[in-house]
């Protein structure tokens, strides 16, 4: 995400760069261009900052939750997922 922000700052872009668009660029760079498995949670969490709700099924969206929390909070869905195994086969 920092590299994408650097590239935009150094070379510019011909459209407004929202936090959501920055996250989408990060997702596309990692998942689509490199053809690596993974999700979008990290990209949106980093780009948006703060406490966020991420809807990962279409229509995708991410929004800030109005609360402030001290420290770091991680939520776990409990749904097993083996991303490395997705590349095989």
PDB file of N, CA and C in Angstrom:
ATOM      1  N   UNK A   1       0.822  -1.174   0.000  1.00  0.00           N
ATOM      2  CA  UNK A   1       0.000   0.000   0.000  1.00  0.00           C
ATOM      3  C   UNK A   1       0.876   1.251   0.000  1.00  0.00           C
ATOM      4  N   UNK A   2       1.957   1.211   0.768  1.00  0.00           N
ATOM      5  CA  UNK A   2       2.874   2.359   0.804  1.00  0.00           C
ATOM      6  C   UNK A   2       3.519   2.570  -0.560  1.00  0.00           C
ATOM      7  N   UNK A   3       3.852   1.488  -1.254  1.00  0.00           N
ATOM      8  CA  UNK A   3       4.472   1.597  -2.572  1.00  0.00           C
ATOM      9  C   UNK A   3       3.497   2.229  -3.563  1.00  0.00           C
ATOM     10  N   UNK A   4       2.253   1.836  -3.510  1.00  0.00           N
ATOM     11  CA  UNK A   4       1.253   2.417  -4.401  1.00  0.00           C
ATOM     12  C   UNK A   4       1.091   3.906  -4.111  1.00  0.00           C
ATOM     13  N   UNK A   5       1.050   4.273  -2.839  1.00  0.00           N
ATOM     14  CA  UNK A   5       0.956   5.695  -2.485  1.00  0.00           C
ATOM     15  C   UNK A   5       2.171   6.458  -2.993  1.00  0.00           C
ATOM     16  N   UNK A   6       3.355   5.866  -2.884  1.00  0.00           N
ATOM     17  CA  UNK A   6       4.561   6.508  -3.403  1.00  0.00           C
ATOM     18  C   UNK A   6       4.461   6.722  -4.909  1.00  0.00           C
ATOM     19  N   UNK A   7       4.045   5.682  -5.643  1.00  0.00           N
ATOM     20  CA  UNK A   7       3.943   5.795  -7.100  1.00  0.00           C
ATOM     21  C   UNK A   7       2.956   6.882  -7.505  1.00  0.00           C
ATOM     22  N   UNK A   8       1.846   6.960  -6.812  1.00  0.00           N
ATOM     23  CA  UNK A   8       0.858   8.003  -7.117  1.00  0.00           C
ATOM     24  C   UNK A   8       1.436   9.384  -6.830  1.00  0.00           C
ATOM     25  N   UNK A   9       2.128   9.526  -5.703  1.00  0.00           N
ATOM     26  CA  UNK A   9       2.721  10.819  -5.355  1.00  0.00           C
ATOM     27  C   UNK A   9       3.829  11.201  -6.332  1.00  0.00           C
ATOM     28  N   UNK A  10       4.637  10.228  -6.746  1.00  0.00           N
ATOM     29  CA  UNK A  10       5.777  10.515  -7.611  1.00  0.00           C
ATOM     30  C   UNK A  10       5.375  10.775  -9.062  1.00  0.00           C
ATOM     31  N   UNK A  11       4.397  10.024  -9.556  1.00  0.00           N
ATOM     32  CA  UNK A  11       4.074  10.092 -10.978  1.00  0.00           C
ATOM     33  C   UNK A  11       2.685  10.631 -11.275  1.00  0.00           C
ATOM     34  N   UNK A  12       1.841  10.754 -10.256  1.00  0.00           N
ATOM     35  CA  UNK A  12       0.504  11.281 -10.454  1.00  0.00           C
ATOM     36  C   UNK A  12      -0.450  10.245 -11.027  1.00  0.00           C
ATOM     37  N   UNK A  13      -1.696  10.612 -11.053  1.00  0.00           N
ATOM     38  CA  UNK A  13      -2.744   9.755 -11.593  1.00  0.00           C
ATOM     39  C   UNK A  13      -3.842  10.689 -12.086  1.00  0.00           C
ATOM     40  N   UNK A  14      -4.554  10.279 -13.119  1.00  0.00           N
ATOM     41  CA  UNK A  14      -5.511  11.180 -13.753  1.00  0.00           C
ATOM     42  C   UNK A  14      -6.926  11.043 -13.190  1.00  0.00           C
ATOM     43  N   UNK A  15      -7.033  10.713 -11.904  1.00  0.00           N
ATOM     44  CA  UNK A  15      -8.331  10.630 -11.247  1.00  0.00           C
ATOM     45  C   UNK A  15      -8.138  10.830  -9.747  1.00  0.00           C
ATOM     46  N   UNK A  16      -9.188  11.181  -9.047  1.00  0.00           N
ATOM     47  CA  UNK A  16      -9.080  11.316  -7.586  1.00  0.00           C
ATOM     48  C   UNK A  16      -8.775   9.957  -6.957  1.00  0.00           C
ATOM     49  N   UNK A  17      -7.991   9.958  -5.902  1.00  0.00           N
ATOM     50  CA  UNK A  17      -7.613   8.708  -5.229  1.00  0.00           C
ATOM     51  C   UNK A  17      -8.246   8.697  -3.842  1.00  0.00           C
ATOM     52  N   UNK A  18      -9.354   7.987  -3.747  1.00  0.00           N
ATOM     53  CA  UNK A  18     -10.015   7.826  -2.454  1.00  0.00           C
ATOM     54  C   UNK A  18      -9.344   6.681  -1.701  1.00  0.00           C
ATOM     55  N   UNK A  19      -9.663   6.556  -0.433  1.00  0.00           N
ATOM     56  CA  UNK A  19      -9.135   5.445   0.358  1.00  0.00           C
ATOM     57  C   UNK A  19      -9.599   4.112  -0.233  1.00  0.00           C
ATOM     58  N   UNK A  20     -10.837   4.061  -0.695  1.00  0.00           N
ATOM     59  CA  UNK A  20     -11.375   2.846  -1.285  1.00  0.00           C
ATOM     60  C   UNK A  20     -10.645   2.488  -2.584  1.00  0.00           C
ATOM     61  N   UNK A  21     -10.381   3.501  -3.414  1.00  0.00           N
ATOM     62  CA  UNK A  21      -9.680   3.250  -4.672  1.00  0.00           C
ATOM     63  C   UNK A  21      -8.250   2.779  -4.409  1.00  0.00           C
ATOM     64  N   UNK A  22      -7.597   3.356  -3.431  1.00  0.00           N
ATOM     65  CA  UNK A  22      -6.256   2.925  -3.066  1.00  0.00           C
ATOM     66  C   UNK A  22      -6.273   1.455  -2.643  1.00  0.00           C
ATOM     67  N   UNK A  23      -7.262   1.064  -1.838  1.00  0.00           N
ATOM     68  CA  UNK A  23      -7.391  -0.331  -1.417  1.00  0.00           C
ATOM     69  C   UNK A  23      -7.631  -1.243  -2.615  1.00  0.00           C
ATOM     70  N   UNK A  24      -8.459  -0.793  -3.543  1.00  0.00           N
ATOM     71  CA  UNK A  24      -8.729  -1.588  -4.747  1.00  0.00           C
ATOM     72  C   UNK A  24      -7.460  -1.783  -5.570  1.00  0.00           C
ATOM     73  N   UNK A  25      -6.651  -0.737  -5.695  1.00  0.00           N
ATOM     74  CA  UNK A  25      -5.383  -0.865  -6.417  1.00  0.00           C
ATOM     75  C   UNK A  25      -4.465  -1.874  -5.744  1.00  0.00           C
ATOM     76  N   UNK A  26      -4.400  -1.841  -4.417  1.00  0.00           N
ATOM     77  CA  UNK A  26      -3.588  -2.804  -3.680  1.00  0.00           C
ATOM     78  C   UNK A  26      -4.067  -4.220  -3.901  1.00  0.00           C
ATOM     79  N   UNK A  27      -5.374  -4.411  -3.836  1.00  0.00           N
ATOM     80  CA  UNK A  27      -5.973  -5.723  -4.072  1.00  0.00           C
ATOM     81  C   UNK A  27      -5.648  -6.218  -5.477  1.00  0.00           C
ATOM     82  N   UNK A  28      -5.866  -5.357  -6.456  1.00  0.00           N
ATOM     83  CA  UNK A  28      -5.611  -5.757  -7.849  1.00  0.00           C
ATOM     84  C   UNK A  28      -4.142  -6.101  -8.076  1.00  0.00           C
ATOM     85  N   UNK A  29      -3.244  -5.315  -7.484  1.00  0.00           N
ATOM     86  CA  UNK A  29      -1.811  -5.575  -7.658  1.00  0.00           C
ATOM     87  C   UNK A  29      -1.419  -6.930  -7.081  1.00  0.00           C
ATOM     88  N   UNK A  30      -1.915  -7.238  -5.898  1.00  0.00           N
ATOM     89  CA  UNK A  30      -1.518  -8.495  -5.244  1.00  0.00           C
ATOM     90  C   UNK A  30      -2.241  -9.708  -5.804  1.00  0.00           C
ATOM     91  N   UNK A  31      -3.528  -9.617  -5.962  1.00  0.00           N
ATOM     92  CA  UNK A  31      -4.340 -10.777  -6.299  1.00  0.00           C
ATOM     93  C   UNK A  31      -4.446 -10.996  -7.808  1.00  0.00           C
ATOM     94  N   UNK A  32      -4.815  -9.976  -8.537  1.00  0.00           N
ATOM     95  CA  UNK A  32      -5.067 -10.151  -9.956  1.00  0.00           C
ATOM     96  C   UNK A  32      -3.791 -10.165 -10.788  1.00  0.00           C
ATOM     97  N   UNK A  33      -2.898  -9.225 -10.553  1.00  0.00           N
ATOM     98  CA  UNK A  33      -1.669  -9.147 -11.351  1.00  0.00           C
ATOM     99  C   UNK A  33      -0.699 -10.273 -11.037  1.00  0.00           C
ATOM    100  N   UNK A  34      -0.525 -10.591  -9.752  1.00  0.00           N
ATOM    101  CA  UNK A  34       0.438 -11.619  -9.368  1.00  0.00           C
ATOM    102  C   UNK A  34      -0.186 -13.003  -9.317  1.00  0.00           C
ATOM    103  N   UNK A  35      -1.510 -13.065  -9.527  1.00  0.00           N
ATOM    104  CA  UNK A  35      -2.235 -14.332  -9.526  1.00  0.00           C
ATOM    105  C   UNK A  35      -1.962 -15.147  -8.268  1.00  0.00           C
ATOM    106  N   UNK A  36      -1.970 -14.461  -7.134  1.00  0.00           N
ATOM    107  CA  UNK A  36      -1.758 -15.086  -5.832  1.00  0.00           C
ATOM    108  C   UNK A  36      -3.087 -15.116  -5.086  1.00  0.00           C
ATOM    109  N   UNK A  37      -3.328 -16.141  -4.275  1.00  0.00           N
ATOM    110  CA  UNK A  37      -4.572 -16.195  -3.521  1.00  0.00           C
ATOM    111  C   UNK A  37      -4.564 -15.198  -2.367  1.00  0.00           C
ATOM    112  N   UNK A  38      -5.721 -14.829  -1.943  1.00  0.00           N
ATOM    113  CA  UNK A  38      -5.822 -13.937  -0.805  1.00  0.00           C
ATOM    114  C   UNK A  38      -7.114 -13.152  -0.846  1.00  0.00           C
ATOM    115  N   UNK A  39      -7.297 -12.322   0.133  1.00  0.00           N
ATOM    116  CA  UNK A  39      -8.512 -11.525   0.210  1.00  0.00           C
ATOM    117  C   UNK A  39      -8.199 -10.053   0.151  1.00  0.00           C
ATOM    118  N   UNK A  40      -9.207  -9.255   0.415  1.00  0.00           N
ATOM    119  CA  UNK A  40      -9.060  -7.804   0.340  1.00  0.00           C
ATOM    120  C   UNK A  40      -9.054  -7.136   1.700  1.00  0.00           C
ATOM    121  N   UNK A  41      -9.182  -7.935   2.760  1.00  0.00           N
ATOM    122  CA  UNK A  41      -9.293  -7.347   4.086  1.00  0.00           C
ATOM    123  C   UNK A  41      -8.079  -6.502   4.461  1.00  0.00           C
ATOM    124  N   UNK A  42      -6.879  -7.010   4.198  1.00  0.00           N
ATOM    125  CA  UNK A  42      -5.670  -6.248   4.548  1.00  0.00           C
ATOM    126  C   UNK A  42      -5.604  -4.927   3.802  1.00  0.00           C
ATOM    127  N   UNK A  43      -5.911  -4.956   2.519  1.00  0.00           N
ATOM    128  CA  UNK A  43      -5.825  -3.743   1.702  1.00  0.00           C
ATOM    129  C   UNK A  43      -6.770  -2.663   2.218  1.00  0.00           C
ATOM    130  N   UNK A  44      -8.010  -3.058   2.513  1.00  0.00           N
ATOM    131  CA  UNK A  44      -8.978  -2.074   2.990  1.00  0.00           C
ATOM    132  C   UNK A  44      -8.662  -1.619   4.406  1.00  0.00           C
ATOM    133  N   UNK A  45      -8.229  -2.526   5.265  1.00  0.00           N
ATOM    134  CA  UNK A  45      -7.887  -2.138   6.637  1.00  0.00           C
ATOM    135  C   UNK A  45      -6.751  -1.128   6.662  1.00  0.00           C
ATOM    136  N   UNK A  46      -5.727  -1.366   5.858  1.00  0.00           N
ATOM    137  CA  UNK A  46      -4.574  -0.464   5.812  1.00  0.00           C
ATOM    138  C   UNK A  46      -4.951   0.869   5.180  1.00  0.00           C
ATOM    139  N   UNK A  47      -5.640   0.824   4.062  1.00  0.00           N
ATOM    140  CA  UNK A  47      -5.971   2.045   3.342  1.00  0.00           C
ATOM    141  C   UNK A  47      -6.956   2.923   4.113  1.00  0.00           C
ATOM    142  N   UNK A  48      -7.975   2.308   4.675  1.00  0.00           N
ATOM    143  CA  UNK A  48      -9.014   3.072   5.363  1.00  0.00           C
ATOM    144  C   UNK A  48      -8.569   3.530   6.743  1.00  0.00           C
ATOM    145  N   UNK A  49      -7.839   2.690   7.464  1.00  0.00           N
ATOM    146  CA  UNK A  49      -7.425   3.016   8.818  1.00  0.00           C
ATOM    147  C   UNK A  49      -8.602   3.034   9.774  1.00  0.00           C
ATOM    148  N   UNK A  50      -8.301   2.949  11.038  1.00  0.00           N
ATOM    149  CA  UNK A  50      -9.358   2.984  12.041  1.00  0.00           C
ATOM    150  C   UNK A  50     -10.143   1.689  12.091  1.00  0.00           C
ATOM    151  N   UNK A  51     -11.337   1.772  12.610  1.00  0.00           N
ATOM    152  CA  UNK A  51     -12.218   0.623  12.769  1.00  0.00           C
ATOM    153  C   UNK A  51     -13.148   0.567  11.560  1.00  0.00           C
ATOM    154  N   UNK A  52     -13.095  -0.527  10.798  1.00  0.00           N
ATOM    155  CA  UNK A  52     -13.864  -0.622   9.560  1.00  0.00           C
ATOM    156  C   UNK A  52     -14.713  -1.881   9.508  1.00  0.00           C
ATOM    157  N   UNK A  53     -15.793  -1.781   8.744  1.00  0.00           N
ATOM    158  CA  UNK A  53     -16.617  -2.934   8.388  1.00  0.00           C
ATOM    159  C   UNK A  53     -16.350  -3.189   6.916  1.00  0.00           C
ATOM    160  N   UNK A  54     -16.007  -4.429   6.575  1.00  0.00           N
ATOM    161  CA  UNK A  54     -15.698  -4.772   5.191  1.00  0.00           C
ATOM    162  C   UNK A  54     -16.671  -5.839   4.723  1.00  0.00           C
ATOM    163  N   UNK A  55     -17.416  -5.524   3.681  1.00  0.00           N
ATOM    164  CA  UNK A  55     -18.307  -6.502   3.054  1.00  0.00           C
ATOM    165  C   UNK A  55     -17.538  -7.082   1.872  1.00  0.00           C
ATOM    166  N   UNK A  56     -17.165  -8.352   1.966  1.00  0.00           N
ATOM    167  CA  UNK A  56     -16.265  -8.949   0.980  1.00  0.00           C
ATOM    168  C   UNK A  56     -16.986  -9.704  -0.132  1.00  0.00           C
ATOM    169  N   UNK A  57     -18.296  -9.717  -0.116  1.00  0.00           N
ATOM    170  CA  UNK A  57     -19.057 -10.332  -1.204  1.00  0.00           C
ATOM    171  C   UNK A  57     -19.747  -9.224  -1.987  1.00  0.00           C
ATOM    172  N   UNK A  58     -19.926  -9.420  -3.287  1.00  0.00           N
ATOM    173  CA  UNK A  58     -20.551  -8.368  -4.097  1.00  0.00           C
ATOM    174  C   UNK A  58     -21.917  -7.968  -3.555  1.00  0.00           C
ATOM    175  N   UNK A  59     -22.232  -6.709  -3.533  1.00  0.00           N
ATOM    176  CA  UNK A  59     -21.378  -5.581  -3.903  1.00  0.00           C
ATOM    177  C   UNK A  59     -20.387  -5.277  -2.770  1.00  0.00           C
ATOM    178  N   UNK A  60     -19.099  -5.208  -3.096  1.00  0.00           N
ATOM    179  CA  UNK A  60     -18.057  -4.953  -2.114  1.00  0.00           C
ATOM    180  C   UNK A  60     -18.197  -3.541  -1.571  1.00  0.00           C
ATOM    181  N   UNK A  61     -17.987  -3.396  -0.281  1.00  0.00           N
ATOM    182  CA  UNK A  61     -17.953  -2.049   0.287  1.00  0.00           C
ATOM    183  C   UNK A  61     -17.226  -2.081   1.614  1.00  0.00           C
ATOM    184  N   UNK A  62     -16.731  -0.933   1.985  1.00  0.00           N
ATOM    185  CA  UNK A  62     -15.998  -0.790   3.230  1.00  0.00           C
ATOM    186  C   UNK A  62     -16.403   0.544   3.835  1.00  0.00           C
ATOM    187  N   UNK A  63     -16.678   0.544   5.120  1.00  0.00           N
ATOM    188  CA  UNK A  63     -17.068   1.790   5.767  1.00  0.00           C
ATOM    189  C   UNK A  63     -16.495   1.854   7.171  1.00  0.00           C
ATOM    190  N   UNK A  64     -16.247   3.074   7.606  1.00  0.00           N
ATOM    191  CA  UNK A  64     -15.768   3.292   8.967  1.00  0.00           C
ATOM    192  C   UNK A  64     -16.889   3.040   9.958  1.00  0.00           C
ATOM    193  N   UNK A  65     -16.542   2.467  11.074  1.00  0.00           N
ATOM    194  CA  UNK A  65     -17.463   2.305  12.186  1.00  0.00           C
ATOM    195  C   UNK A  65     -17.118   3.417  13.164  1.00  0.00           C
ATOM    196  N   UNK A  66     -18.097   4.127  13.655  1.00  0.00           N
ATOM    197  CA  UNK A  66     -17.880   5.337  14.421  1.00  0.00           C
ATOM    198  C   UNK A  66     -17.147   5.211  15.745  1.00  0.00           C
ATOM    199  N   UNK A  67     -16.818   4.024  16.187  1.00  0.00           N
ATOM    200  CA  UNK A  67     -16.185   3.856  17.487  1.00  0.00           C
ATOM    201  C   UNK A  67     -14.668   4.021  17.420  1.00  0.00           C
ATOM    202  N   UNK A  68     -14.097   4.401  18.534  1.00  0.00           N
ATOM    203  CA  UNK A  68     -12.644   4.463  18.673  1.00  0.00           C
ATOM    204  C   UNK A  68     -12.242   3.414  19.694  1.00  0.00           C
ATOM    205  N   UNK A  69     -11.276   2.597  19.373  1.00  0.00           N
ATOM    206  CA  UNK A  69     -10.788   1.585  20.296  1.00  0.00           C
ATOM    207  C   UNK A  69      -9.304   1.791  20.535  1.00  0.00           C
ATOM    208  N   UNK A  70      -8.860   1.497  21.729  1.00  0.00           N
ATOM    209  CA  UNK A  70      -7.443   1.572  22.050  1.00  0.00           C
ATOM    210  C   UNK A  70      -6.784   0.267  21.624  1.00  0.00           C
ATOM    211  N   UNK A  71      -5.615   0.346  21.016  1.00  0.00           N
ATOM    212  CA  UNK A  71      -4.878  -0.849  20.632  1.00  0.00           C
ATOM    213  C   UNK A  71      -5.369  -1.439  19.333  1.00  0.00           C
ATOM    214  N   UNK A  72      -5.156  -2.729  19.179  1.00  0.00           N
ATOM    215  CA  UNK A  72      -5.503  -3.425  17.948  1.00  0.00           C
ATOM    216  C   UNK A  72      -6.531  -4.512  18.265  1.00  0.00           C
ATOM    217  N   UNK A  73      -7.552  -4.604  17.425  1.00  0.00           N
ATOM    218  CA  UNK A  73      -8.587  -5.619  17.582  1.00  0.00           C
ATOM    219  C   UNK A  73      -8.638  -6.426  16.295  1.00  0.00           C
ATOM    220  N   UNK A  74      -8.654  -7.753  16.425  1.00  0.00           N
ATOM    221  CA  UNK A  74      -8.744  -8.626  15.265  1.00  0.00           C
ATOM    222  C   UNK A  74      -9.982  -9.493  15.407  1.00  0.00           C
ATOM    223  N   UNK A  75     -10.777  -9.576  14.363  1.00  0.00           N
ATOM    224  CA  UNK A  75     -11.945 -10.449  14.357  1.00  0.00           C
ATOM    225  C   UNK A  75     -11.653 -11.684  13.523  1.00  0.00           C
ATOM    226  N   UNK A  76     -12.148 -12.812  13.967  1.00  0.00           N
ATOM    227  CA  UNK A  76     -11.947 -14.071  13.257  1.00  0.00           C
ATOM    228  C   UNK A  76     -13.312 -14.655  12.940  1.00  0.00           C
ATOM    229  N   UNK A  77     -13.534 -14.996  11.672  1.00  0.00           N
ATOM    230  CA  UNK A  77     -14.837 -15.509  11.256  1.00  0.00           C
ATOM    231  C   UNK A  77     -15.089 -16.932  11.708  1.00  0.00           C
ATOM    232  N   UNK A  78     -14.032 -17.689  11.951  1.00  0.00           N
ATOM    233  CA  UNK A  78     -14.205 -19.087  12.297  1.00  0.00           C
ATOM    234  C   UNK A  78     -14.366 -19.996  11.090  1.00  0.00           C
ATOM    235  N   UNK A  79     -14.346 -19.417   9.900  1.00  0.00           N
ATOM    236  CA  UNK A  79     -14.479 -20.198   8.668  1.00  0.00           C
ATOM    237  C   UNK A  79     -13.078 -20.544   8.180  1.00  0.00           C
ATOM    238  N   UNK A  80     -12.736 -21.847   8.129  1.00  0.00           N
ATOM    239  CA  UNK A  80     -11.384 -22.219   7.691  1.00  0.00           C
ATOM    240  C   UNK A  80     -11.154 -21.884   6.216  1.00  0.00           C
ATOM    241  N   UNK A  81      -9.931 -21.442   5.916  1.00  0.00           N
ATOM    242  CA  UNK A  81      -9.570 -21.115   4.537  1.00  0.00           C
ATOM    243  C   UNK A  81      -8.084 -21.336   4.371  1.00  0.00           C
ATOM    244  N   UNK A  82      -7.713 -22.120   3.409  1.00  0.00           N
ATOM    245  CA  UNK A  82      -6.301 -22.402   3.123  1.00  0.00           C
ATOM    246  C   UNK A  82      -5.971 -21.713   1.797  1.00  0.00           C
ATOM    247  N   UNK A  83      -5.438 -20.489   1.875  1.00  0.00           N
ATOM    248  CA  UNK A  83      -5.187 -19.729   0.646  1.00  0.00           C
ATOM    249  C   UNK A  83      -4.044 -20.314  -0.169  1.00  0.00           C
ATOM    250  N   UNK A  84      -3.020 -20.847   0.469  1.00  0.00           N
ATOM    251  CA  UNK A  84      -1.890 -21.399  -0.288  1.00  0.00           C
ATOM    252  C   UNK A  84      -2.346 -22.600  -1.105  1.00  0.00           C
ATOM    253  N   UNK A  85      -3.221 -23.411  -0.569  1.00  0.00           N
ATOM    254  CA  UNK A  85      -3.717 -24.581  -1.273  1.00  0.00           C
ATOM    255  C   UNK A  85      -4.551 -24.249  -2.488  1.00  0.00           C
ATOM    256  N   UNK A  86      -5.041 -23.012  -2.585  1.00  0.00           N
ATOM    257  CA  UNK A  86      -5.862 -22.615  -3.721  1.00  0.00           C
ATOM    258  C   UNK A  86      -5.063 -22.564  -5.010  1.00  0.00           C
ATOM    259  N   UNK A  87      -3.743 -22.411  -4.919  1.00  0.00           N
ATOM    260  CA  UNK A  87      -2.906 -22.318  -6.110  1.00  0.00           C
ATOM    261  C   UNK A  87      -2.667 -23.665  -6.762  1.00  0.00           C
ATOM    262  N   UNK A  88      -2.788 -24.736  -6.013  1.00  0.00           N
ATOM    263  CA  UNK A  88      -2.481 -26.054  -6.535  1.00  0.00           C
ATOM    264  C   UNK A  88      -3.634 -26.567  -7.395  1.00  0.00           C
ATOM    265  N   UNK A  89      -3.282 -27.419  -8.344  1.00  0.00           N
ATOM    266  CA  UNK A  89      -4.334 -28.082  -9.112  1.00  0.00           C
ATOM    267  C   UNK A  89      -4.585 -27.517 -10.395  1.00  0.00           C
TER     268      UNK A  89
END
